[in-house]
Amino acid sequence: MGEFVDKVKGNVNEAVGKAKQNSNDPETRAKGAAQETKGKAQQVKGSVKGALGDKV
């Protein structure tokens, strides 16, 4: 279950981060890039959990 949740959260953070990067405000763009990176990390975490059988 944790694998699925992490992957969904990662997809949401990545999508929101990409949307923020289209802003005219440089600070919002920077936050969007950070949020997109966080989303990618969450997806990797979910993949690792899946490979280890949710023991992480």
PDB file of N, CA and C in Angstrom:
ATOM      1  N   MET A   1       0.816  -1.192   0.000  1.00  0.00           N
ATOM      2  CA  MET A   1       0.000   0.000   0.000  1.00  0.00           C
ATOM      3  C   MET A   1       0.860   1.256   0.000  1.00  0.00           C
ATOM      4  N   GLY A   2       1.940   1.263   0.782  1.00  0.00           N
ATOM      5  CA  GLY A   2       2.801   2.439   0.861  1.00  0.00           C
ATOM      6  C   GLY A   2       3.435   2.782  -0.475  1.00  0.00           C
ATOM      7  N   GLU A   3       3.707   1.764  -1.248  1.00  0.00           N
ATOM      8  CA  GLU A   3       4.290   1.976  -2.575  1.00  0.00           C
ATOM      9  C   GLU A   3       3.352   2.814  -3.430  1.00  0.00           C
ATOM     10  N   PHE A   4       2.087   2.448  -3.462  1.00  0.00           N
ATOM     11  CA  PHE A   4       1.094   3.145  -4.274  1.00  0.00           C
ATOM     12  C   PHE A   4       0.923   4.583  -3.807  1.00  0.00           C
ATOM     13  N   VAL A   5       0.831   4.786  -2.487  1.00  0.00           N
ATOM     14  CA  VAL A   5       0.636   6.126  -1.924  1.00  0.00           C
ATOM     15  C   VAL A   5       1.809   7.031  -2.283  1.00  0.00           C
ATOM     16  N   ASP A   6       3.025   6.527  -2.139  1.00  0.00           N
ATOM     17  CA  ASP A   6       4.210   7.328  -2.460  1.00  0.00           C
ATOM     18  C   ASP A   6       4.238   7.707  -3.941  1.00  0.00           C
ATOM     19  N   LYS A   7       3.871   6.769  -4.788  1.00  0.00           N
ATOM     20  CA  LYS A   7       3.877   7.058  -6.221  1.00  0.00           C
ATOM     21  C   LYS A   7       2.818   8.096  -6.585  1.00  0.00           C
ATOM     22  N   VAL A   8       1.639   8.015  -5.969  1.00  0.00           N
ATOM     23  CA  VAL A   8       0.581   8.987  -6.240  1.00  0.00           C
ATOM     24  C   VAL A   8       0.997  10.374  -5.754  1.00  0.00           C
ATOM     25  N   LYS A   9       1.522  10.438  -4.533  1.00  0.00           N
ATOM     26  CA  LYS A   9       1.992  11.723  -4.003  1.00  0.00           C
ATOM     27  C   LYS A   9       3.082  12.302  -4.900  1.00  0.00           C
ATOM     28  N   GLY A  10       3.965  11.436  -5.371  1.00  0.00           N
ATOM     29  CA  GLY A  10       5.037  11.879  -6.263  1.00  0.00           C
ATOM     30  C   GLY A  10       4.494  12.446  -7.557  1.00  0.00           C
ATOM     31  N   ASN A  11       3.507  11.776  -8.138  1.00  0.00           N
ATOM     32  CA  ASN A  11       2.911  12.269  -9.380  1.00  0.00           C
ATOM     33  C   ASN A  11       2.238  13.619  -9.175  1.00  0.00           C
ATOM     34  N   VAL A  12       1.541  13.779  -8.054  1.00  0.00           N
ATOM     35  CA  VAL A  12       0.856  15.044  -7.764  1.00  0.00           C
ATOM     36  C   VAL A  12       1.880  16.159  -7.579  1.00  0.00           C
ATOM     37  N   ASN A  13       2.909  15.915  -6.767  1.00  0.00           N
ATOM     38  CA  ASN A  13       3.928  16.942  -6.539  1.00  0.00           C
ATOM     39  C   ASN A  13       4.642  17.312  -7.831  1.00  0.00           C
ATOM     40  N   GLU A  14       4.913  16.328  -8.662  1.00  0.00           N
ATOM     41  CA  GLU A  14       5.581  16.606  -9.927  1.00  0.00           C
ATOM     42  C   GLU A  14       4.702  17.466 -10.836  1.00  0.00           C
ATOM     43  N   ALA A  15       3.423  17.153 -10.910  1.00  0.00           N
ATOM     44  CA  ALA A  15       2.505  17.912 -11.763  1.00  0.00           C
ATOM     45  C   ALA A  15       2.332  19.346 -11.260  1.00  0.00           C
ATOM     46  N   VAL A  16       2.161  19.506  -9.949  1.00  0.00           N
ATOM     47  CA  VAL A  16       2.000  20.847  -9.376  1.00  0.00           C
ATOM     48  C   VAL A  16       3.280  21.649  -9.567  1.00  0.00           C
ATOM     49  N   GLY A  17       4.418  20.999  -9.390  1.00  0.00           N
ATOM     50  CA  GLY A  17       5.700  21.680  -9.580  1.00  0.00           C
ATOM     51  C   GLY A  17       5.877  22.165 -11.006  1.00  0.00           C
ATOM     52  N   LYS A  18       5.484  21.342 -11.962  1.00  0.00           N
ATOM     53  CA  LYS A  18       5.581  21.753 -13.369  1.00  0.00           C
ATOM     54  C   LYS A  18       4.663  22.937 -13.647  1.00  0.00           C
ATOM     55  N   ALA A  19       3.483  22.933 -13.065  1.00  0.00           N
ATOM     56  CA  ALA A  19       2.543  24.041 -13.261  1.00  0.00           C
ATOM     57  C   ALA A  19       3.106  25.335 -12.672  1.00  0.00           C
ATOM     58  N   LYS A  20       3.714  25.242 -11.502  1.00  0.00           N
ATOM     59  CA  LYS A  20       4.290  26.427 -10.857  1.00  0.00           C
ATOM     60  C   LYS A  20       5.433  27.011 -11.686  1.00  0.00           C
ATOM     61  N   GLN A  21       6.135  26.168 -12.426  1.00  0.00           N
ATOM     62  CA  GLN A  21       7.260  26.644 -13.218  1.00  0.00           C
ATOM     63  C   GLN A  21       6.815  27.518 -14.385  1.00  0.00           C
ATOM     64  N   ASN A  22       5.541  27.527 -14.696  1.00  0.00           N
ATOM     65  CA  ASN A  22       5.028  28.384 -15.764  1.00  0.00           C
ATOM     66  C   ASN A  22       4.640  29.767 -15.268  1.00  0.00           C
ATOM     67  N   SER A  23       4.883  30.046 -14.000  1.00  0.00           N
ATOM     68  CA  SER A  23       4.536  31.330 -13.396  1.00  0.00           C
ATOM     69  C   SER A  23       5.476  32.430 -13.882  1.00  0.00           C
ATOM     70  N   ASN A  24       5.020  33.660 -13.757  1.00  0.00           N
ATOM     71  CA  ASN A  24       5.870  34.813 -14.078  1.00  0.00           C
ATOM     72  C   ASN A  24       6.764  35.199 -12.902  1.00  0.00           C
ATOM     73  N   ASP A  25       6.446  34.701 -11.721  1.00  0.00           N
ATOM     74  CA  ASP A  25       7.195  35.027 -10.510  1.00  0.00           C
ATOM     75  C   ASP A  25       8.394  34.077 -10.366  1.00  0.00           C
ATOM     76  N   PRO A  26       9.616  34.617 -10.318  1.00  0.00           N
ATOM     77  CA  PRO A  26      10.804  33.764 -10.215  1.00  0.00           C
ATOM     78  C   PRO A  26      10.811  32.897  -8.953  1.00  0.00           C
ATOM     79  N   GLU A  27      10.294  33.410  -7.852  1.00  0.00           N
ATOM     80  CA  GLU A  27      10.264  32.638  -6.609  1.00  0.00           C
ATOM     81  C   GLU A  27       9.325  31.434  -6.744  1.00  0.00           C
ATOM     82  N   THR A  28       8.189  31.642  -7.389  1.00  0.00           N
ATOM     83  CA  THR A  28       7.241  30.556  -7.607  1.00  0.00           C
ATOM     84  C   THR A  28       7.835  29.513  -8.547  1.00  0.00           C
ATOM     85  N   ARG A  29       8.562  29.953  -9.566  1.00  0.00           N
ATOM     86  CA  ARG A  29       9.218  29.017 -10.482  1.00  0.00           C
ATOM     87  C   ARG A  29      10.236  28.157  -9.740  1.00  0.00           C
ATOM     88  N   ALA A  30      10.996  28.776  -8.850  1.00  0.00           N
ATOM     89  CA  ALA A  30      12.006  28.044  -8.076  1.00  0.00           C
ATOM     90  C   ALA A  30      11.336  27.021  -7.157  1.00  0.00           C
ATOM     91  N   LYS A  31      10.249  27.426  -6.521  1.00  0.00           N
ATOM     92  CA  LYS A  31       9.516  26.502  -5.655  1.00  0.00           C
ATOM     93  C   LYS A  31       8.936  25.355  -6.476  1.00  0.00           C
ATOM     94  N   GLY A  32       8.502  25.659  -7.681  1.00  0.00           N
ATOM     95  CA  GLY A  32       7.968  24.623  -8.561  1.00  0.00           C
ATOM     96  C   GLY A  32       9.022  23.603  -8.941  1.00  0.00           C
ATOM     97  N   ALA A  33      10.225  24.071  -9.221  1.00  0.00           N
ATOM     98  CA  ALA A  33      11.316  23.147  -9.560  1.00  0.00           C
ATOM     99  C   ALA A  33      11.635  22.248  -8.377  1.00  0.00           C
ATOM    100  N   ALA A  34      11.642  22.827  -7.180  1.00  0.00           N
ATOM    101  CA  ALA A  34      11.917  22.035  -5.979  1.00  0.00           C
ATOM    102  C   ALA A  34      10.808  21.015  -5.741  1.00  0.00           C
ATOM    103  N   GLN A  35       9.566  21.423  -5.965  1.00  0.00           N
ATOM    104  CA  GLN A  35       8.443  20.514  -5.754  1.00  0.00           C
ATOM    105  C   GLN A  35       8.448  19.380  -6.778  1.00  0.00           C
ATOM    106  N   GLU A  36       8.842  19.684  -8.000  1.00  0.00           N
ATOM    107  CA  GLU A  36       8.938  18.647  -9.025  1.00  0.00           C
ATOM    108  C   GLU A  36      10.012  17.617  -8.641  1.00  0.00           C
ATOM    109  N   THR A  37      11.131  18.096  -8.141  1.00  0.00           N
ATOM    110  CA  THR A  37      12.207  17.204  -7.695  1.00  0.00           C
ATOM    111  C   THR A  37      11.740  16.334  -6.527  1.00  0.00           C
ATOM    112  N   LYS A  38      10.999  16.937  -5.607  1.00  0.00           N
ATOM    113  CA  LYS A  38      10.453  16.185  -4.475  1.00  0.00           C
ATOM    114  C   LYS A  38       9.527  15.077  -4.982  1.00  0.00           C
ATOM    115  N   GLY A  39       8.722  15.393  -5.983  1.00  0.00           N
ATOM    116  CA  GLY A  39       7.818  14.403  -6.545  1.00  0.00           C
ATOM    117  C   GLY A  39       8.557  13.240  -7.170  1.00  0.00           C
ATOM    118  N   LYS A  40       9.626  13.545  -7.872  1.00  0.00           N
ATOM    119  CA  LYS A  40      10.424  12.475  -8.480  1.00  0.00           C
ATOM    120  C   LYS A  40      11.043  11.584  -7.403  1.00  0.00           C
ATOM    121  N   ALA A  41      11.489  12.200  -6.309  1.00  0.00           N
ATOM    122  CA  ALA A  41      12.073  11.430  -5.211  1.00  0.00           C
ATOM    123  C   ALA A  41      11.022  10.533  -4.559  1.00  0.00           C
ATOM    124  N   GLN A  42       9.805  11.040  -4.417  1.00  0.00           N
ATOM    125  CA  GLN A  42       8.738  10.227  -3.839  1.00  0.00           C
ATOM    126  C   GLN A  42       8.421   9.027  -4.726  1.00  0.00           C
ATOM    127  N   GLN A  43       8.473   9.216  -6.016  1.00  0.00           N
ATOM    128  CA  GLN A  43       8.213   8.108  -6.924  1.00  0.00           C
ATOM    129  C   GLN A  43       9.299   7.041  -6.796  1.00  0.00           C
ATOM    130  N   VAL A  44      10.543   7.470  -6.655  1.00  0.00           N
ATOM    131  CA  VAL A  44      11.650   6.521  -6.473  1.00  0.00           C
ATOM    132  C   VAL A  44      11.461   5.774  -5.150  1.00  0.00           C
ATOM    133  N   LYS A  45      11.072   6.502  -4.118  1.00  0.00           N
ATOM    134  CA  LYS A  45      10.822   5.879  -2.816  1.00  0.00           C
ATOM    135  C   LYS A  45       9.748   4.807  -2.942  1.00  0.00           C
ATOM    136  N   GLY A  46       8.689   5.103  -3.671  1.00  0.00           N
ATOM    137  CA  GLY A  46       7.632   4.124  -3.884  1.00  0.00           C
ATOM    138  C   GLY A  46       8.124   2.899  -4.635  1.00  0.00           C
ATOM    139  N   SER A  47       8.972   3.122  -5.618  1.00  0.00           N
ATOM    140  CA  SER A  47       9.527   2.000  -6.378  1.00  0.00           C
ATOM    141  C   SER A  47      10.409   1.117  -5.502  1.00  0.00           C
ATOM    142  N   VAL A  48      11.192   1.745  -4.630  1.00  0.00           N
ATOM    143  CA  VAL A  48      12.055   0.989  -3.722  1.00  0.00           C
ATOM    144  C   VAL A  48      11.193   0.186  -2.749  1.00  0.00           C
ATOM    145  N   LYS A  49      10.148   0.809  -2.222  1.00  0.00           N
ATOM    146  CA  LYS A  49       9.238   0.087  -1.325  1.00  0.00           C
ATOM    147  C   LYS A  49       8.647  -1.121  -2.037  1.00  0.00           C
ATOM    148  N   GLY A  50       8.266  -0.934  -3.288  1.00  0.00           N
ATOM    149  CA  GLY A  50       7.705  -2.041  -4.046  1.00  0.00           C
ATOM    150  C   GLY A  50       8.702  -3.165  -4.230  1.00  0.00           C
ATOM    151  N   ALA A  51       9.934  -2.804  -4.494  1.00  0.00           N
ATOM    152  CA  ALA A  51      10.961  -3.821  -4.715  1.00  0.00           C
ATOM    153  C   ALA A  51      11.301  -4.558  -3.418  1.00  0.00           C
ATOM    154  N   LEU A  52      11.213  -3.862  -2.296  1.00  0.00           N
ATOM    155  CA  LEU A  52      11.552  -4.476  -1.007  1.00  0.00           C
ATOM    156  C   LEU A  52      10.330  -5.047  -0.301  1.00  0.00           C
ATOM    157  N   GLY A  53       9.192  -4.942  -0.914  1.00  0.00           N
ATOM    158  CA  GLY A  53       7.983  -5.509  -0.319  1.00  0.00           C
ATOM    159  C   GLY A  53       7.397  -4.670   0.791  1.00  0.00           C
ATOM    160  N   ASP A  54       7.455  -3.348   0.672  1.00  0.00           N
ATOM    161  CA  ASP A  54       6.843  -2.428   1.653  1.00  0.00           C
ATOM    162  C   ASP A  54       7.489  -2.478   3.028  1.00  0.00           C
ATOM    163  N   LYS A  55       8.707  -2.920   3.148  1.00  0.00           N
ATOM    164  CA  LYS A  55       9.361  -3.016   4.442  1.00  0.00           C
ATOM    165  C   LYS A  55      10.126  -1.748   4.802  1.00  0.00           C
ATOM    166  N   VAL A  56      10.157  -0.800   3.895  1.00  0.00           N
ATOM    167  CA  VAL A  56      10.890   0.445   4.132  1.00  0.00           C
ATOM    168  C   VAL A  56       9.955   1.460   4.734  1.00  0.00           C
TER     169      VAL A  56
END
